[in-house]
Amino acid sequence: MRVVYLRTAFHQMRRVYAPPGSPQHDKVRRVLAQLADERHPLPGPEDQEALRSPVETIWARRVPETDLVVTYSILPLMVEMRGVHPVW
């Protein structure tokens, strides 16, 4: 089991794009569960590099059956969730 850290910005974006009780909310939760599961490699085979800087890489993963992506960073001891928003 990986530690998944949800940044404040992620919580704020999720309330806008995948509010509690919506179908998008449940699908985002499934993606978070996949990211926490060590049986799934990171980054995943369909994940795309969203941003690269000298100090970090931010990845984007589509949320199935929605028009959303979640963005995340891979850190030594955790996966840091950056945001959730419509596909670019």
PDB file of N, CA and C in Angstrom:
ATOM      1  N   MET A   1       0.836  -1.180   0.000  1.00  0.00           N
ATOM      2  CA  MET A   1       0.000   0.000   0.000  1.00  0.00           C
ATOM      3  C   MET A   1       0.880   1.242   0.000  1.00  0.00           C
ATOM      4  N   ARG A   2       0.637   2.127  -0.950  1.00  0.00           N
ATOM      5  CA  ARG A   2       1.355   3.403  -0.998  1.00  0.00           C
ATOM      6  C   ARG A   2       0.570   4.456  -0.208  1.00  0.00           C
ATOM      7  N   VAL A   3       1.286   5.422   0.299  1.00  0.00           N
ATOM      8  CA  VAL A   3       0.654   6.566   0.941  1.00  0.00           C
ATOM      9  C   VAL A   3       0.264   7.542  -0.162  1.00  0.00           C
ATOM     10  N   VAL A   4      -0.990   7.983  -0.167  1.00  0.00           N
ATOM     11  CA  VAL A   4      -1.479   8.964  -1.129  1.00  0.00           C
ATOM     12  C   VAL A   4      -1.783  10.239  -0.353  1.00  0.00           C
ATOM     13  N   TYR A   5      -1.029  11.284  -0.661  1.00  0.00           N
ATOM     14  CA  TYR A   5      -1.193  12.571   0.011  1.00  0.00           C
ATOM     15  C   TYR A   5      -2.023  13.481  -0.889  1.00  0.00           C
ATOM     16  N   LEU A   6      -3.143  13.962  -0.365  1.00  0.00           N
ATOM     17  CA  LEU A   6      -4.033  14.840  -1.121  1.00  0.00           C
ATOM     18  C   LEU A   6      -3.753  16.288  -0.726  1.00  0.00           C
ATOM     19  N   ARG A   7      -3.202  17.032  -1.643  1.00  0.00           N
ATOM     20  CA  ARG A   7      -2.910  18.448  -1.377  1.00  0.00           C
ATOM     21  C   ARG A   7      -4.203  19.236  -1.231  1.00  0.00           C
ATOM     22  N   THR A   8      -4.136  20.378  -0.585  1.00  0.00           N
ATOM     23  CA  THR A   8      -5.302  21.243  -0.415  1.00  0.00           C
ATOM     24  C   THR A   8      -5.892  21.613  -1.767  1.00  0.00           C
ATOM     25  N   ALA A   9      -5.053  21.917  -2.737  1.00  0.00           N
ATOM     26  CA  ALA A   9      -5.543  22.270  -4.079  1.00  0.00           C
ATOM     27  C   ALA A   9      -6.324  21.112  -4.695  1.00  0.00           C
ATOM     28  N   PHE A  10      -5.896  19.878  -4.450  1.00  0.00           N
ATOM     29  CA  PHE A  10      -6.622  18.717  -4.967  1.00  0.00           C
ATOM     30  C   PHE A  10      -8.026  18.669  -4.367  1.00  0.00           C
ATOM     31  N   HIS A  11      -8.133  18.864  -3.061  1.00  0.00           N
ATOM     32  CA  HIS A  11      -9.442  18.862  -2.402  1.00  0.00           C
ATOM     33  C   HIS A  11     -10.350  19.953  -2.992  1.00  0.00           C
ATOM     34  N   GLN A  12      -9.793  21.142  -3.203  1.00  0.00           N
ATOM     35  CA  GLN A  12     -10.581  22.249  -3.741  1.00  0.00           C
ATOM     36  C   GLN A  12     -11.063  21.945  -5.157  1.00  0.00           C
ATOM     37  N   MET A  13     -10.180  21.414  -5.995  1.00  0.00           N
ATOM     38  CA  MET A  13     -10.561  21.095  -7.370  1.00  0.00           C
ATOM     39  C   MET A  13     -11.575  19.953  -7.404  1.00  0.00           C
ATOM     40  N   ARG A  14     -11.414  18.987  -6.525  1.00  0.00           N
ATOM     41  CA  ARG A  14     -12.339  17.853  -6.511  1.00  0.00           C
ATOM     42  C   ARG A  14     -13.746  18.306  -6.139  1.00  0.00           C
ATOM     43  N   ARG A  15     -13.857  19.288  -5.225  1.00  0.00           N
ATOM     44  CA  ARG A  15     -15.186  19.805  -4.879  1.00  0.00           C
ATOM     45  C   ARG A  15     -15.859  20.471  -6.075  1.00  0.00           C
ATOM     46  N   VAL A  16     -15.082  21.035  -6.988  1.00  0.00           N
ATOM     47  CA  VAL A  16     -15.631  21.702  -8.168  1.00  0.00           C
ATOM     48  C   VAL A  16     -15.957  20.692  -9.271  1.00  0.00           C
ATOM     49  N   TYR A  17     -14.996  19.818  -9.610  1.00  0.00           N
ATOM     50  CA  TYR A  17     -15.136  18.943 -10.776  1.00  0.00           C
ATOM     51  C   TYR A  17     -15.682  17.549 -10.468  1.00  0.00           C
ATOM     52  N   ALA A  18     -15.612  17.127  -9.205  1.00  0.00           N
ATOM     53  CA  ALA A  18     -16.120  15.799  -8.823  1.00  0.00           C
ATOM     54  C   ALA A  18     -16.714  15.875  -7.419  1.00  0.00           C
ATOM     55  N   PRO A  19     -17.796  16.634  -7.257  1.00  0.00           N
ATOM     56  CA  PRO A  19     -18.354  16.829  -5.920  1.00  0.00           C
ATOM     57  C   PRO A  19     -18.896  15.533  -5.322  1.00  0.00           C
ATOM     58  N   PRO A  20     -18.924  15.452  -4.000  1.00  0.00           N
ATOM     59  CA  PRO A  20     -19.452  14.246  -3.343  1.00  0.00           C
ATOM     60  C   PRO A  20     -20.865  13.921  -3.850  1.00  0.00           C
ATOM     61  N   GLY A  21     -21.100  12.646  -4.076  1.00  0.00           N
ATOM     62  CA  GLY A  21     -22.388  12.188  -4.561  1.00  0.00           C
ATOM     63  C   GLY A  21     -22.504  12.133  -6.074  1.00  0.00           C
ATOM     64  N   SER A  22     -21.532  12.698  -6.780  1.00  0.00           N
ATOM     65  CA  SER A  22     -21.578  12.688  -8.251  1.00  0.00           C
ATOM     66  C   SER A  22     -20.920  11.417  -8.785  1.00  0.00           C
ATOM     67  N   PRO A  23     -21.270  11.011 -10.010  1.00  0.00           N
ATOM     68  CA  PRO A  23     -20.595   9.857 -10.612  1.00  0.00           C
ATOM     69  C   PRO A  23     -19.087  10.090 -10.762  1.00  0.00           C
ATOM     70  N   GLN A  24     -18.689  11.330 -11.020  1.00  0.00           N
ATOM     71  CA  GLN A  24     -17.263  11.647 -11.166  1.00  0.00           C
ATOM     72  C   GLN A  24     -16.516  11.415  -9.859  1.00  0.00           C
ATOM     73  N   HIS A  25     -17.177  11.694  -8.735  1.00  0.00           N
ATOM     74  CA  HIS A  25     -16.534  11.513  -7.429  1.00  0.00           C
ATOM     75  C   HIS A  25     -16.138  10.052  -7.214  1.00  0.00           C
ATOM     76  N   ASP A  26     -17.048   9.146  -7.511  1.00  0.00           N
ATOM     77  CA  ASP A  26     -16.752   7.723  -7.341  1.00  0.00           C
ATOM     78  C   ASP A  26     -15.631   7.266  -8.269  1.00  0.00           C
ATOM     79  N   LYS A  27     -15.605   7.767  -9.478  1.00  0.00           N
ATOM     80  CA  LYS A  27     -14.566   7.372 -10.442  1.00  0.00           C
ATOM     81  C   LYS A  27     -13.194   7.927 -10.035  1.00  0.00           C
ATOM     82  N   VAL A  28     -13.162   9.139  -9.486  1.00  0.00           N
ATOM     83  CA  VAL A  28     -11.903   9.701  -8.991  1.00  0.00           C
ATOM     84  C   VAL A  28     -11.415   8.862  -7.804  1.00  0.00           C
ATOM     85  N   ARG A  29     -12.324   8.438  -6.931  1.00  0.00           N
ATOM     86  CA  ARG A  29     -11.935   7.585  -5.793  1.00  0.00           C
ATOM     87  C   ARG A  29     -11.310   6.275  -6.277  1.00  0.00           C
ATOM     88  N   ARG A  30     -11.840   5.709  -7.354  1.00  0.00           N
ATOM     89  CA  ARG A  30     -11.270   4.467  -7.900  1.00  0.00           C
ATOM     90  C   ARG A  30      -9.841   4.697  -8.390  1.00  0.00           C
ATOM     91  N   VAL A  31      -9.607   5.836  -9.041  1.00  0.00           N
ATOM     92  CA  VAL A  31      -8.255   6.148  -9.520  1.00  0.00           C
ATOM     93  C   VAL A  31      -7.314   6.324  -8.327  1.00  0.00           C
ATOM     94  N   LEU A  32      -7.775   6.977  -7.268  1.00  0.00           N
ATOM     95  CA  LEU A  32      -6.942   7.135  -6.070  1.00  0.00           C
ATOM     96  C   LEU A  32      -6.596   5.778  -5.475  1.00  0.00           C
ATOM     97  N   ALA A  33      -7.546   4.866  -5.472  1.00  0.00           N
ATOM     98  CA  ALA A  33      -7.285   3.515  -4.953  1.00  0.00           C
ATOM     99  C   ALA A  33      -6.241   2.803  -5.816  1.00  0.00           C
ATOM    100  N   GLN A  34      -6.297   2.984  -7.131  1.00  0.00           N
ATOM    101  CA  GLN A  34      -5.289   2.374  -8.018  1.00  0.00           C
ATOM    102  C   GLN A  34      -3.907   2.944  -7.724  1.00  0.00           C
ATOM    103  N   LEU A  35      -3.839   4.262  -7.539  1.00  0.00           N
ATOM    104  CA  LEU A  35      -2.548   4.889  -7.266  1.00  0.00           C
ATOM    105  C   LEU A  35      -1.977   4.431  -5.928  1.00  0.00           C
ATOM    106  N   ALA A  36      -2.830   4.089  -4.985  1.00  0.00           N
ATOM    107  CA  ALA A  36      -2.365   3.606  -3.679  1.00  0.00           C
ATOM    108  C   ALA A  36      -1.922   2.150  -3.722  1.00  0.00           C
ATOM    109  N   ASP A  37      -2.360   1.414  -4.716  1.00  0.00           N
ATOM    110  CA  ASP A  37      -2.093  -0.021  -4.805  1.00  0.00           C
ATOM    111  C   ASP A  37      -0.720  -0.274  -5.438  1.00  0.00           C
ATOM    112  N   GLU A  38       0.161  -0.904  -4.684  1.00  0.00           N
ATOM    113  CA  GLU A  38       1.524  -1.165  -5.171  1.00  0.00           C
ATOM    114  C   GLU A  38       1.578  -2.161  -6.317  1.00  0.00           C
ATOM    115  N   ARG A  39       0.486  -2.874  -6.567  1.00  0.00           N
ATOM    116  CA  ARG A  39       0.456  -3.815  -7.693  1.00  0.00           C
ATOM    117  C   ARG A  39       0.393  -3.086  -9.035  1.00  0.00           C
ATOM    118  N   HIS A  40       0.015  -1.800  -9.014  1.00  0.00           N
ATOM    119  CA  HIS A  40      -0.045  -0.995 -10.235  1.00  0.00           C
ATOM    120  C   HIS A  40       1.228  -0.152 -10.320  1.00  0.00           C
ATOM    121  N   PRO A  41       1.987  -0.259 -11.421  1.00  0.00           N
ATOM    122  CA  PRO A  41       3.233   0.509 -11.532  1.00  0.00           C
ATOM    123  C   PRO A  41       2.966   2.003 -11.682  1.00  0.00           C
ATOM    124  N   LEU A  42       3.928   2.778 -11.216  1.00  0.00           N
ATOM    125  CA  LEU A  42       3.864   4.229 -11.378  1.00  0.00           C
ATOM    126  C   LEU A  42       5.106   4.714 -12.101  1.00  0.00           C
ATOM    127  N   PRO A  43       4.976   5.566 -13.079  1.00  0.00           N
ATOM    128  CA  PRO A  43       3.708   5.950 -13.691  1.00  0.00           C
ATOM    129  C   PRO A  43       3.115   4.781 -14.460  1.00  0.00           C
ATOM    130  N   GLY A  44       1.797   4.816 -14.628  1.00  0.00           N
ATOM    131  CA  GLY A  44       1.106   3.764 -15.360  1.00  0.00           C
ATOM    132  C   GLY A  44       1.406   3.832 -16.846  1.00  0.00           C
ATOM    133  N   PRO A  45       1.127   2.762 -17.581  1.00  0.00           N
ATOM    134  CA  PRO A  45       1.448   2.726 -19.009  1.00  0.00           C
ATOM    135  C   PRO A  45       0.712   3.774 -19.831  1.00  0.00           C
ATOM    136  N   GLU A  46      -0.444   4.230 -19.377  1.00  0.00           N
ATOM    137  CA  GLU A  46      -1.197   5.234 -20.135  1.00  0.00           C
ATOM    138  C   GLU A  46      -1.073   6.633 -19.543  1.00  0.00           C
ATOM    139  N   ASP A  47      -0.344   6.773 -18.435  1.00  0.00           N
ATOM    140  CA  ASP A  47      -0.147   8.089 -17.831  1.00  0.00           C
ATOM    141  C   ASP A  47       0.749   8.931 -18.725  1.00  0.00           C
ATOM    142  N   GLN A  48       0.494  10.230 -18.728  1.00  0.00           N
ATOM    143  CA  GLN A  48       1.285  11.143 -19.549  1.00  0.00           C
ATOM    144  C   GLN A  48       2.039  12.114 -18.660  1.00  0.00           C
ATOM    145  N   GLU A  49       3.202  12.478 -19.124  1.00  0.00           N
ATOM    146  CA  GLU A  49       3.984  13.476 -18.416  1.00  0.00           C
ATOM    147  C   GLU A  49       3.317  14.833 -18.639  1.00  0.00           C
ATOM    148  N   ALA A  50       2.908  15.483 -17.557  1.00  0.00           N
ATOM    149  CA  ALA A  50       2.226  16.768 -17.666  1.00  0.00           C
ATOM    150  C   ALA A  50       3.177  17.937 -17.516  1.00  0.00           C
ATOM    151  N   LEU A  51       4.231  17.768 -16.707  1.00  0.00           N
ATOM    152  CA  LEU A  51       5.187  18.845 -16.467  1.00  0.00           C
ATOM    153  C   LEU A  51       6.487  18.231 -15.973  1.00  0.00           C
ATOM    154  N   ARG A  52       7.582  18.736 -16.479  1.00  0.00           N
ATOM    155  CA  ARG A  52       8.895  18.294 -15.991  1.00  0.00           C
ATOM    156  C   ARG A  52       9.701  19.538 -15.640  1.00  0.00           C
ATOM    157  N   SER A  53      10.263  19.519 -14.446  1.00  0.00           N
ATOM    158  CA  SER A  53      11.157  20.586 -14.010  1.00  0.00           C
ATOM    159  C   SER A  53      12.433  19.923 -13.516  1.00  0.00           C
ATOM    160  N   PRO A  54      13.443  20.705 -13.190  1.00  0.00           N
ATOM    161  CA  PRO A  54      14.682  20.085 -12.693  1.00  0.00           C
ATOM    162  C   PRO A  54      14.496  19.312 -11.389  1.00  0.00           C
ATOM    163  N   VAL A  55      13.443  19.588 -10.644  1.00  0.00           N
ATOM    164  CA  VAL A  55      13.280  18.942  -9.345  1.00  0.00           C
ATOM    165  C   VAL A  55      12.155  17.920  -9.278  1.00  0.00           C
ATOM    166  N   GLU A  56      11.218  17.930 -10.236  1.00  0.00           N
ATOM    167  CA  GLU A  56      10.131  16.962 -10.172  1.00  0.00           C
ATOM    168  C   GLU A  56       9.459  16.777 -11.534  1.00  0.00           C
ATOM    169  N   THR A  57       8.697  15.698 -11.623  1.00  0.00           N
ATOM    170  CA  THR A  57       7.869  15.421 -12.792  1.00  0.00           C
ATOM    171  C   THR A  57       6.443  15.238 -12.289  1.00  0.00           C
ATOM    172  N   ILE A  58       5.506  15.884 -12.968  1.00  0.00           N
ATOM    173  CA  ILE A  58       4.095  15.731 -12.638  1.00  0.00           C
ATOM    174  C   ILE A  58       3.454  14.906 -13.746  1.00  0.00           C
ATOM    175  N   TRP A  59       2.706  13.892 -13.337  1.00  0.00           N
ATOM    176  CA  TRP A  59       2.062  12.971 -14.264  1.00  0.00           C
ATOM    177  C   TRP A  59       0.566  13.220 -14.290  1.00  0.00           C
ATOM    178  N   ALA A  60      -0.080  12.873 -15.402  1.00  0.00           N
ATOM    179  CA  ALA A  60      -1.525  13.002 -15.554  1.00  0.00           C
ATOM    180  C   ALA A  60      -2.109  11.633 -15.891  1.00  0.00           C
ATOM    181  N   ARG A  61      -3.204  11.295 -15.225  1.00  0.00           N
ATOM    182  CA  ARG A  61      -3.903  10.033 -15.478  1.00  0.00           C
ATOM    183  C   ARG A  61      -5.374  10.339 -15.735  1.00  0.00           C
ATOM    184  N   ARG A  62      -5.877   9.832 -16.849  1.00  0.00           N
ATOM    185  CA  ARG A  62      -7.297  10.010 -17.169  1.00  0.00           C
ATOM    186  C   ARG A  62      -8.158   9.255 -16.164  1.00  0.00           C
ATOM    187  N   VAL A  63      -9.286   9.860 -15.839  1.00  0.00           N
ATOM    188  CA  VAL A  63     -10.278   9.206 -14.995  1.00  0.00           C
ATOM    189  C   VAL A  63     -11.266   8.532 -15.943  1.00  0.00           C
ATOM    190  N   PRO A  64     -11.321   7.197 -15.948  1.00  0.00           N
ATOM    191  CA  PRO A  64     -12.175   6.485 -16.897  1.00  0.00           C
ATOM    192  C   PRO A  64     -13.630   6.955 -16.851  1.00  0.00           C
ATOM    193  N   GLU A  65     -14.242   6.985 -18.027  1.00  0.00           N
ATOM    194  CA  GLU A  65     -15.655   7.318 -18.197  1.00  0.00           C
ATOM    195  C   GLU A  65     -15.986   8.756 -17.801  1.00  0.00           C
ATOM    196  N   THR A  66     -14.982   9.642 -17.757  1.00  0.00           N
ATOM    197  CA  THR A  66     -15.212  11.063 -17.482  1.00  0.00           C
ATOM    198  C   THR A  66     -14.332  11.871 -18.425  1.00  0.00           C
ATOM    199  N   ASP A  67     -14.465  13.186 -18.336  1.00  0.00           N
ATOM    200  CA  ASP A  67     -13.578  14.071 -19.082  1.00  0.00           C
ATOM    201  C   ASP A  67     -12.535  14.696 -18.159  1.00  0.00           C
ATOM    202  N   LEU A  68     -12.191  13.962 -17.081  1.00  0.00           N
ATOM    203  CA  LEU A  68     -11.270  14.469 -16.068  1.00  0.00           C
ATOM    204  C   LEU A  68      -9.923  13.761 -16.107  1.00  0.00           C
ATOM    205  N   VAL A  69      -8.905  14.459 -15.601  1.00  0.00           N
ATOM    206  CA  VAL A  69      -7.602  13.857 -15.322  1.00  0.00           C
ATOM    207  C   VAL A  69      -7.219  14.205 -13.890  1.00  0.00           C
ATOM    208  N   VAL A  70      -6.440  13.337 -13.274  1.00  0.00           N
ATOM    209  CA  VAL A  70      -5.812  13.667 -11.998  1.00  0.00           C
ATOM    210  C   VAL A  70      -4.332  13.833 -12.269  1.00  0.00           C
ATOM    211  N   THR A  71      -3.724  14.777 -11.584  1.00  0.00           N
ATOM    212  CA  THR A  71      -2.282  14.981 -11.729  1.00  0.00           C
ATOM    213  C   THR A  71      -1.621  14.621 -10.404  1.00  0.00           C
ATOM    214  N   TYR A  72      -0.428  14.030 -10.530  1.00  0.00           N
ATOM    215  CA  TYR A  72       0.261  13.552  -9.328  1.00  0.00           C
ATOM    216  C   TYR A  72       1.766  13.575  -9.530  1.00  0.00           C
ATOM    217  N   SER A  73       2.481  13.581  -8.405  1.00  0.00           N
ATOM    218  CA  SER A  73       3.937  13.459  -8.375  1.00  0.00           C
ATOM    219  C   SER A  73       4.286  12.182  -7.628  1.00  0.00           C
ATOM    220  N   ILE A  74       5.351  11.544  -8.045  1.00  0.00           N
ATOM    221  CA  ILE A  74       5.831  10.342  -7.372  1.00  0.00           C
ATOM    222  C   ILE A  74       6.995  10.753  -6.482  1.00  0.00           C
ATOM    223  N   LEU A  75       6.824  10.578  -5.190  1.00  0.00           N
ATOM    224  CA  LEU A  75       7.863  10.907  -4.220  1.00  0.00           C
ATOM    225  C   LEU A  75       8.387   9.614  -3.613  1.00  0.00           C
ATOM    226  N   PRO A  76       9.526   9.655  -2.925  1.00  0.00           N
ATOM    227  CA  PRO A  76      10.094   8.418  -2.402  1.00  0.00           C
ATOM    228  C   PRO A  76       9.153   7.597  -1.523  1.00  0.00           C
ATOM    229  N   LEU A  77       8.367   8.233  -0.691  1.00  0.00           N
ATOM    230  CA  LEU A  77       7.524   7.482   0.226  1.00  0.00           C
ATOM    231  C   LEU A  77       6.029   7.651  -0.024  1.00  0.00           C
ATOM    232  N   MET A  78       5.659   8.394  -1.061  1.00  0.00           N
ATOM    233  CA  MET A  78       4.236   8.644  -1.283  1.00  0.00           C
ATOM    234  C   MET A  78       3.952   9.091  -2.710  1.00  0.00           C
ATOM    235  N   VAL A  79       2.655   9.130  -3.011  1.00  0.00           N
ATOM    236  CA  VAL A  79       2.160   9.718  -4.248  1.00  0.00           C
ATOM    237  C   VAL A  79       1.445  10.995  -3.828  1.00  0.00           C
ATOM    238  N   GLU A  80       1.860  12.124  -4.359  1.00  0.00           N
ATOM    239  CA  GLU A  80       1.277  13.406  -3.986  1.00  0.00           C
ATOM    240  C   GLU A  80       0.289  13.836  -5.064  1.00  0.00           C
ATOM    241  N   MET A  81      -0.998  13.898  -4.706  1.00  0.00           N
ATOM    242  CA  MET A  81      -2.031  14.293  -5.649  1.00  0.00           C
ATOM    243  C   MET A  81      -2.038  15.803  -5.784  1.00  0.00           C
ATOM    244  N   ARG A  82      -1.870  16.280  -7.014  1.00  0.00           N
ATOM    245  CA  ARG A  82      -1.767  17.709  -7.288  1.00  0.00           C
ATOM    246  C   ARG A  82      -3.095  18.347  -7.636  1.00  0.00           C
ATOM    247  N   GLY A  83      -3.898  17.676  -8.468  1.00  0.00           N
ATOM    248  CA  GLY A  83      -5.158  18.278  -8.880  1.00  0.00           C
ATOM    249  C   GLY A  83      -6.042  17.310  -9.642  1.00  0.00           C
ATOM    250  N   VAL A  84      -7.249  17.756  -9.885  1.00  0.00           N
ATOM    251  CA  VAL A  84      -8.186  17.047 -10.745  1.00  0.00           C
ATOM    252  C   VAL A  84      -8.905  18.126 -11.544  1.00  0.00           C
ATOM    253  N   HIS A  85      -8.944  17.944 -12.854  1.00  0.00           N
ATOM    254  CA  HIS A  85      -9.546  18.978 -13.707  1.00  0.00           C
ATOM    255  C   HIS A  85      -9.903  18.361 -15.061  1.00  0.00           C
ATOM    256  N   PRO A  86     -10.655  19.108 -15.871  1.00  0.00           N
ATOM    257  CA  PRO A  86     -10.998  18.581 -17.198  1.00  0.00           C
ATOM    258  C   PRO A  86      -9.742  18.336 -18.039  1.00  0.00           C
ATOM    259  N   VAL A  87      -9.854  17.390 -18.955  1.00  0.00           N
ATOM    260  CA  VAL A  87      -8.760  17.069 -19.866  1.00  0.00           C
ATOM    261  C   VAL A  87      -8.396  18.333 -20.642  1.00  0.00           C
ATOM    262  N   TRP A  88      -7.113  18.524 -20.891  1.00  0.00           N
ATOM    263  CA  TRP A  88      -6.665  19.717 -21.621  1.00  0.00           C
ATOM    264  C   TRP A  88      -7.018  19.594 -23.066  1.00  0.00           C
TER     265      TRP A  88
END
